[in-house]
Amino acid sequence: MAGLSDHCGICGLEFLYALPRCPICHKSVCDGCAKRMGGNTFCGTDCSHAFFFGGEEEVEENEAHRYEDGE
């Protein structure tokens, strides 16, 4: 009878138990490869930053300078 197993989406190792999945790209990730941020497990820093800081939102250049100048 086949048991439950899972492969790490980063290093490719097989484990005899289910691995946590990245909430952004849904890759399985082992403890050795996991990046943890804010209580969540991610496959890397790109996914963790996308989760917490959003996607690629464009900020108009004059708005960015306005905040830097303290307006």
PDB file of N, CA and C in Angstrom:
ATOM      1  N   MET A   1       0.844  -1.176   0.000  1.00  0.00           N
ATOM      2  CA  MET A   1       0.000   0.000   0.000  1.00  0.00           C
ATOM      3  C   MET A   1       0.891   1.241   0.000  1.00  0.00           C
ATOM      4  N   ALA A   2       0.613   2.138  -0.888  1.00  0.00           N
ATOM      5  CA  ALA A   2       1.427   3.344  -1.015  1.00  0.00           C
ATOM      6  C   ALA A   2       1.092   4.314   0.111  1.00  0.00           C
ATOM      7  N   GLY A   3       2.126   4.951   0.648  1.00  0.00           N
ATOM      8  CA  GLY A   3       1.935   5.929   1.709  1.00  0.00           C
ATOM      9  C   GLY A   3       1.948   7.341   1.160  1.00  0.00           C
ATOM     10  N   LEU A   4       1.668   8.261   2.003  1.00  0.00           N
ATOM     11  CA  LEU A   4       1.675   9.662   1.648  1.00  0.00           C
ATOM     12  C   LEU A   4       3.120  10.126   1.510  1.00  0.00           C
ATOM     13  N   SER A   5       3.446  10.776   0.434  1.00  0.00           N
ATOM     14  CA  SER A   5       4.784  11.341   0.263  1.00  0.00           C
ATOM     15  C   SER A   5       4.661  12.654  -0.499  1.00  0.00           C
ATOM     16  N   ASP A   6       5.699  13.452  -0.419  1.00  0.00           N
ATOM     17  CA  ASP A   6       5.691  14.758  -1.069  1.00  0.00           C
ATOM     18  C   ASP A   6       7.110  15.091  -1.498  1.00  0.00           C
ATOM     19  N   HIS A   7       7.240  15.847  -2.566  1.00  0.00           N
ATOM     20  CA  HIS A   7       8.540  16.291  -3.066  1.00  0.00           C
ATOM     21  C   HIS A   7       8.693  17.787  -2.801  1.00  0.00           C
ATOM     22  N   CYS A   8       9.882  18.196  -2.401  1.00  0.00           N
ATOM     23  CA  CYS A   8      10.164  19.621  -2.243  1.00  0.00           C
ATOM     24  C   CYS A   8      10.276  20.244  -3.632  1.00  0.00           C
ATOM     25  N   GLY A   9       9.596  21.345  -3.834  1.00  0.00           N
ATOM     26  CA  GLY A   9       9.634  22.039  -5.118  1.00  0.00           C
ATOM     27  C   GLY A   9      10.921  22.797  -5.354  1.00  0.00           C
ATOM     28  N   ILE A  10      11.769  22.921  -4.348  1.00  0.00           N
ATOM     29  CA  ILE A  10      13.027  23.649  -4.482  1.00  0.00           C
ATOM     30  C   ILE A  10      14.197  22.689  -4.662  1.00  0.00           C
ATOM     31  N   CYS A  11      14.417  21.787  -3.702  1.00  0.00           N
ATOM     32  CA  CYS A  11      15.576  20.887  -3.764  1.00  0.00           C
ATOM     33  C   CYS A  11      15.257  19.547  -4.419  1.00  0.00           C
ATOM     34  N   GLY A  12      13.973  19.189  -4.528  1.00  0.00           N
ATOM     35  CA  GLY A  12      13.570  17.962  -5.192  1.00  0.00           C
ATOM     36  C   GLY A  12      13.604  16.711  -4.332  1.00  0.00           C
ATOM     37  N   LEU A  13      13.964  16.821  -3.064  1.00  0.00           N
ATOM     38  CA  LEU A  13      13.992  15.654  -2.187  1.00  0.00           C
ATOM     39  C   LEU A  13      12.577  15.160  -1.902  1.00  0.00           C
ATOM     40  N   GLU A  14      12.456  13.839  -1.721  1.00  0.00           N
ATOM     41  CA  GLU A  14      11.157  13.239  -1.406  1.00  0.00           C
ATOM     42  C   GLU A  14      11.062  12.983   0.092  1.00  0.00           C
ATOM     43  N   PHE A  15       9.916  13.291   0.655  1.00  0.00           N
ATOM     44  CA  PHE A  15       9.663  13.104   2.080  1.00  0.00           C
ATOM     45  C   PHE A  15       8.468  12.189   2.256  1.00  0.00           C
ATOM     46  N   LEU A  16       8.429  11.463   3.361  1.00  0.00           N
ATOM     47  CA  LEU A  16       7.355  10.507   3.619  1.00  0.00           C
ATOM     48  C   LEU A  16       6.134  11.146   4.262  1.00  0.00           C
ATOM     49  N   TYR A  17       6.093  12.441   4.309  1.00  0.00           N
ATOM     50  CA  TYR A  17       4.974  13.172   4.891  1.00  0.00           C
ATOM     51  C   TYR A  17       4.672  14.389   4.017  1.00  0.00           C
ATOM     52  N   ALA A  18       3.521  14.961   4.197  1.00  0.00           N
ATOM     53  CA  ALA A  18       3.113  16.125   3.412  1.00  0.00           C
ATOM     54  C   ALA A  18       3.904  17.354   3.843  1.00  0.00           C
ATOM     55  N   LEU A  19       4.365  18.111   2.881  1.00  0.00           N
ATOM     56  CA  LEU A  19       5.119  19.340   3.147  1.00  0.00           C
ATOM     57  C   LEU A  19       4.187  20.548   3.060  1.00  0.00           C
ATOM     58  N   PRO A  20       4.533  21.622   3.768  1.00  0.00           N
ATOM     59  CA  PRO A  20       3.734  22.848   3.623  1.00  0.00           C
ATOM     60  C   PRO A  20       3.885  23.411   2.218  1.00  0.00           C
ATOM     61  N   ARG A  21       2.892  24.129   1.775  1.00  0.00           N
ATOM     62  CA  ARG A  21       2.905  24.720   0.435  1.00  0.00           C
ATOM     63  C   ARG A  21       3.010  26.229   0.527  1.00  0.00           C
ATOM     64  N   CYS A  22       3.721  26.797  -0.420  1.00  0.00           N
ATOM     65  CA  CYS A  22       3.842  28.252  -0.528  1.00  0.00           C
ATOM     66  C   CYS A  22       2.469  28.818  -0.896  1.00  0.00           C
ATOM     67  N   PRO A  23       1.977  29.835  -0.175  1.00  0.00           N
ATOM     68  CA  PRO A  23       0.649  30.378  -0.474  1.00  0.00           C
ATOM     69  C   PRO A  23       0.583  31.165  -1.781  1.00  0.00           C
ATOM     70  N   ILE A  24       1.720  31.507  -2.369  1.00  0.00           N
ATOM     71  CA  ILE A  24       1.724  32.274  -3.619  1.00  0.00           C
ATOM     72  C   ILE A  24       1.788  31.349  -4.838  1.00  0.00           C
ATOM     73  N   CYS A  25       2.814  30.494  -4.911  1.00  0.00           N
ATOM     74  CA  CYS A  25       3.005  29.644  -6.095  1.00  0.00           C
ATOM     75  C   CYS A  25       2.578  28.194  -5.862  1.00  0.00           C
ATOM     76  N   HIS A  26       2.234  27.844  -4.625  1.00  0.00           N
ATOM     77  CA  HIS A  26       1.732  26.520  -4.248  1.00  0.00           C
ATOM     78  C   HIS A  26       2.751  25.400  -4.402  1.00  0.00           C
ATOM     79  N   LYS A  27       4.038  25.718  -4.389  1.00  0.00           N
ATOM     80  CA  LYS A  27       5.076  24.685  -4.396  1.00  0.00           C
ATOM     81  C   LYS A  27       5.193  24.099  -2.998  1.00  0.00           C
ATOM     82  N   SER A  28       5.438  22.791  -2.933  1.00  0.00           N
ATOM     83  CA  SER A  28       5.764  22.163  -1.649  1.00  0.00           C
ATOM     84  C   SER A  28       7.179  22.579  -1.294  1.00  0.00           C
ATOM     85  N   VAL A  29       7.421  22.796  -0.008  1.00  0.00           N
ATOM     86  CA  VAL A  29       8.753  23.248   0.407  1.00  0.00           C
ATOM     87  C   VAL A  29       9.131  22.579   1.729  1.00  0.00           C
ATOM     88  N   CYS A  30      10.370  22.048   1.781  1.00  0.00           N
ATOM     89  CA  CYS A  30      10.839  21.364   2.991  1.00  0.00           C
ATOM     90  C   CYS A  30      11.376  22.387   3.998  1.00  0.00           C
ATOM     91  N   ASP A  31      11.659  21.921   5.211  1.00  0.00           N
ATOM     92  CA  ASP A  31      12.162  22.812   6.264  1.00  0.00           C
ATOM     93  C   ASP A  31      13.498  23.457   5.887  1.00  0.00           C
ATOM     94  N   GLY A  32      14.329  22.729   5.186  1.00  0.00           N
ATOM     95  CA  GLY A  32      15.640  23.261   4.811  1.00  0.00           C
ATOM     96  C   GLY A  32      15.576  24.368   3.775  1.00  0.00           C
ATOM     97  N   CYS A  33      14.592  24.322   2.907  1.00  0.00           N
ATOM     98  CA  CYS A  33      14.472  25.311   1.825  1.00  0.00           C
ATOM     99  C   CYS A  33      13.488  26.432   2.145  1.00  0.00           C
ATOM    100  N   ALA A  34      12.651  26.242   3.143  1.00  0.00           N
ATOM    101  CA  ALA A  34      11.573  27.194   3.442  1.00  0.00           C
ATOM    102  C   ALA A  34      12.120  28.538   3.905  1.00  0.00           C
ATOM    103  N   LYS A  35      11.463  29.588   3.471  1.00  0.00           N
ATOM    104  CA  LYS A  35      11.711  30.948   3.957  1.00  0.00           C
ATOM    105  C   LYS A  35      10.483  31.334   4.767  1.00  0.00           C
ATOM    106  N   ARG A  36      10.700  31.698   6.013  1.00  0.00           N
ATOM    107  CA  ARG A  36       9.581  32.033   6.893  1.00  0.00           C
ATOM    108  C   ARG A  36       9.524  33.537   7.113  1.00  0.00           C
ATOM    109  N   MET A  37       8.315  34.050   7.026  1.00  0.00           N
ATOM    110  CA  MET A  37       8.115  35.480   7.216  1.00  0.00           C
ATOM    111  C   MET A  37       6.691  35.690   7.700  1.00  0.00           C
ATOM    112  N   GLY A  38       6.538  36.387   8.799  1.00  0.00           N
ATOM    113  CA  GLY A  38       5.214  36.713   9.316  1.00  0.00           C
ATOM    114  C   GLY A  38       4.375  35.503   9.681  1.00  0.00           C
ATOM    115  N   GLY A  39       5.002  34.427  10.114  1.00  0.00           N
ATOM    116  CA  GLY A  39       4.275  33.236  10.509  1.00  0.00           C
ATOM    117  C   GLY A  39       3.866  32.336   9.362  1.00  0.00           C
ATOM    118  N   ASN A  40       4.275  32.636   8.149  1.00  0.00           N
ATOM    119  CA  ASN A  40       3.949  31.821   6.981  1.00  0.00           C
ATOM    120  C   ASN A  40       5.212  31.184   6.417  1.00  0.00           C
ATOM    121  N   THR A  41       5.037  30.120   5.646  1.00  0.00           N
ATOM    122  CA  THR A  41       6.142  29.420   5.002  1.00  0.00           C
ATOM    123  C   THR A  41       6.067  29.676   3.506  1.00  0.00           C
ATOM    124  N   PHE A  42       7.167  30.138   2.934  1.00  0.00           N
ATOM    125  CA  PHE A  42       7.241  30.454   1.505  1.00  0.00           C
ATOM    126  C   PHE A  42       8.386  29.679   0.865  1.00  0.00           C
ATOM    127  N   CYS A  43       8.364  29.580  -0.462  1.00  0.00           N
ATOM    128  CA  CYS A  43       9.432  28.880  -1.177  1.00  0.00           C
ATOM    129  C   CYS A  43      10.652  29.771  -1.362  1.00  0.00           C
ATOM    130  N   GLY A  44      10.495  31.076  -1.234  1.00  0.00           N
ATOM    131  CA  GLY A  44      11.613  31.995  -1.394  1.00  0.00           C
ATOM    132  C   GLY A  44      11.220  33.416  -1.042  1.00  0.00           C
ATOM    133  N   THR A  45      12.193  34.299  -1.106  1.00  0.00           N
ATOM    134  CA  THR A  45      11.931  35.686  -0.740  1.00  0.00           C
ATOM    135  C   THR A  45      11.033  36.391  -1.754  1.00  0.00           C
ATOM    136  N   ASP A  46      11.065  35.972  -3.022  1.00  0.00           N
ATOM    137  CA  ASP A  46      10.194  36.612  -4.013  1.00  0.00           C
ATOM    138  C   ASP A  46       8.720  36.403  -3.650  1.00  0.00           C
ATOM    139  N   CYS A  47       8.363  35.193  -3.287  1.00  0.00           N
ATOM    140  CA  CYS A  47       6.967  34.911  -2.916  1.00  0.00           C
ATOM    141  C   CYS A  47       6.603  35.573  -1.594  1.00  0.00           C
ATOM    142  N   SER A  48       7.529  35.585  -0.634  1.00  0.00           N
ATOM    143  CA  SER A  48       7.207  36.219   0.654  1.00  0.00           C
ATOM    144  C   SER A  48       7.004  37.718   0.482  1.00  0.00           C
ATOM    145  N   HIS A  49       7.804  38.358  -0.344  1.00  0.00           N
ATOM    146  CA  HIS A  49       7.640  39.796  -0.572  1.00  0.00           C
ATOM    147  C   HIS A  49       6.364  40.075  -1.356  1.00  0.00           C
ATOM    148  N   ALA A  50       6.027  39.221  -2.315  1.00  0.00           N
ATOM    149  CA  ALA A  50       4.784  39.406  -3.068  1.00  0.00           C
ATOM    150  C   ALA A  50       3.572  39.284  -2.145  1.00  0.00           C
ATOM    151  N   PHE A  51       3.630  38.380  -1.173  1.00  0.00           N
ATOM    152  CA  PHE A  51       2.519  38.172  -0.247  1.00  0.00           C
ATOM    153  C   PHE A  51       2.317  39.377   0.662  1.00  0.00           C
ATOM    154  N   PHE A  52       3.408  39.890   1.231  1.00  0.00           N
ATOM    155  CA  PHE A  52       3.285  40.962   2.218  1.00  0.00           C
ATOM    156  C   PHE A  52       3.314  42.366   1.626  1.00  0.00           C
ATOM    157  N   PHE A  53       4.021  42.549   0.528  1.00  0.00           N
ATOM    158  CA  PHE A  53       4.177  43.897  -0.018  1.00  0.00           C
ATOM    159  C   PHE A  53       3.445  44.095  -1.327  1.00  0.00           C
ATOM    160  N   GLY A  54       2.690  43.112  -1.759  1.00  0.00           N
ATOM    161  CA  GLY A  54       1.891  43.248  -2.968  1.00  0.00           C
ATOM    162  C   GLY A  54       2.688  42.974  -4.222  1.00  0.00           C
ATOM    163  N   GLY A  55       1.979  43.052  -5.323  1.00  0.00           N
ATOM    164  CA  GLY A  55       2.592  42.808  -6.621  1.00  0.00           C
ATOM    165  C   GLY A  55       3.383  44.002  -7.082  1.00  0.00           C
ATOM    166  N   GLU A  56       3.444  44.139  -8.378  1.00  0.00           N
ATOM    167  CA  GLU A  56       4.230  45.221  -8.950  1.00  0.00           C
ATOM    168  C   GLU A  56       3.348  46.447  -9.167  1.00  0.00           C
ATOM    169  N   GLU A  57       3.122  47.168  -8.096  1.00  0.00           N
ATOM    170  CA  GLU A  57       2.339  48.391  -8.204  1.00  0.00           C
ATOM    171  C   GLU A  57       3.267  49.516  -8.627  1.00  0.00           C
ATOM    172  N   GLU A  58       2.833  50.251  -9.622  1.00  0.00           N
ATOM    173  CA  GLU A  58       3.651  51.353 -10.094  1.00  0.00           C
ATOM    174  C   GLU A  58       3.307  52.614  -9.317  1.00  0.00           C
ATOM    175  N   VAL A  59       4.312  53.266  -8.814  1.00  0.00           N
ATOM    176  CA  VAL A  59       4.132  54.529  -8.106  1.00  0.00           C
ATOM    177  C   VAL A  59       4.640  55.624  -9.028  1.00  0.00           C
ATOM    178  N   GLU A  60       3.797  56.623  -9.242  1.00  0.00           N
ATOM    179  CA  GLU A  60       4.230  57.720 -10.099  1.00  0.00           C
ATOM    180  C   GLU A  60       5.405  58.432  -9.455  1.00  0.00           C
ATOM    181  N   GLU A  61       6.333  58.861 -10.280  1.00  0.00           N
ATOM    182  CA  GLU A  61       7.566  59.439  -9.769  1.00  0.00           C
ATOM    183  C   GLU A  61       7.324  60.696  -8.938  1.00  0.00           C
ATOM    184  N   ASN A  62       6.398  61.544  -9.331  1.00  0.00           N
ATOM    185  CA  ASN A  62       6.155  62.763  -8.562  1.00  0.00           C
ATOM    186  C   ASN A  62       5.520  62.450  -7.207  1.00  0.00           C
ATOM    187  N   GLU A  63       4.744  61.360  -7.103  1.00  0.00           N
ATOM    188  CA  GLU A  63       4.178  60.969  -5.807  1.00  0.00           C
ATOM    189  C   GLU A  63       5.264  60.471  -4.873  1.00  0.00           C
ATOM    190  N   ALA A  64       6.226  59.721  -5.404  1.00  0.00           N
ATOM    191  CA  ALA A  64       7.320  59.206  -4.572  1.00  0.00           C
ATOM    192  C   ALA A  64       8.138  60.358  -4.012  1.00  0.00           C
ATOM    193  N   HIS A  65       8.403  61.371  -4.813  1.00  0.00           N
ATOM    194  CA  HIS A  65       9.170  62.524  -4.336  1.00  0.00           C
ATOM    195  C   HIS A  65       8.374  63.334  -3.317  1.00  0.00           C
ATOM    196  N   ARG A  66       7.055  63.374  -3.470  1.00  0.00           N
ATOM    197  CA  ARG A  66       6.224  64.108  -2.542  1.00  0.00           C
ATOM    198  C   ARG A  66       6.338  63.523  -1.135  1.00  0.00           C
ATOM    199  N   TYR A  67       6.335  62.186  -1.014  1.00  0.00           N
ATOM    200  CA  TYR A  67       6.446  61.548   0.289  1.00  0.00           C
ATOM    201  C   TYR A  67       7.842  61.707   0.867  1.00  0.00           C
ATOM    202  N   GLU A  68       8.858  61.708   0.019  1.00  0.00           N
ATOM    203  CA  GLU A  68      10.232  61.877   0.497  1.00  0.00           C
ATOM    204  C   GLU A  68      10.456  63.295   1.024  1.00  0.00           C
ATOM    205  N   ASP A  69       9.789  64.269   0.421  1.00  0.00           N
ATOM    206  CA  ASP A  69       9.958  65.666   0.833  1.00  0.00           C
ATOM    207  C   ASP A  69       9.149  65.997   2.085  1.00  0.00           C
ATOM    208  N   GLY A  70       8.302  65.082   2.523  1.00  0.00           N
ATOM    209  CA  GLY A  70       7.536  65.295   3.742  1.00  0.00           C
ATOM    210  C   GLY A  70       6.222  66.005   3.516  1.00  0.00           C
ATOM    211  N   GLU A  71       5.757  66.092   2.303  1.00  0.00           N
ATOM    212  CA  GLU A  71       4.471  66.759   2.024  1.00  0.00           C
ATOM    213  C   GLU A  71       3.314  65.870   2.353  1.00  0.00           C
TER     214      GLU A  71
END
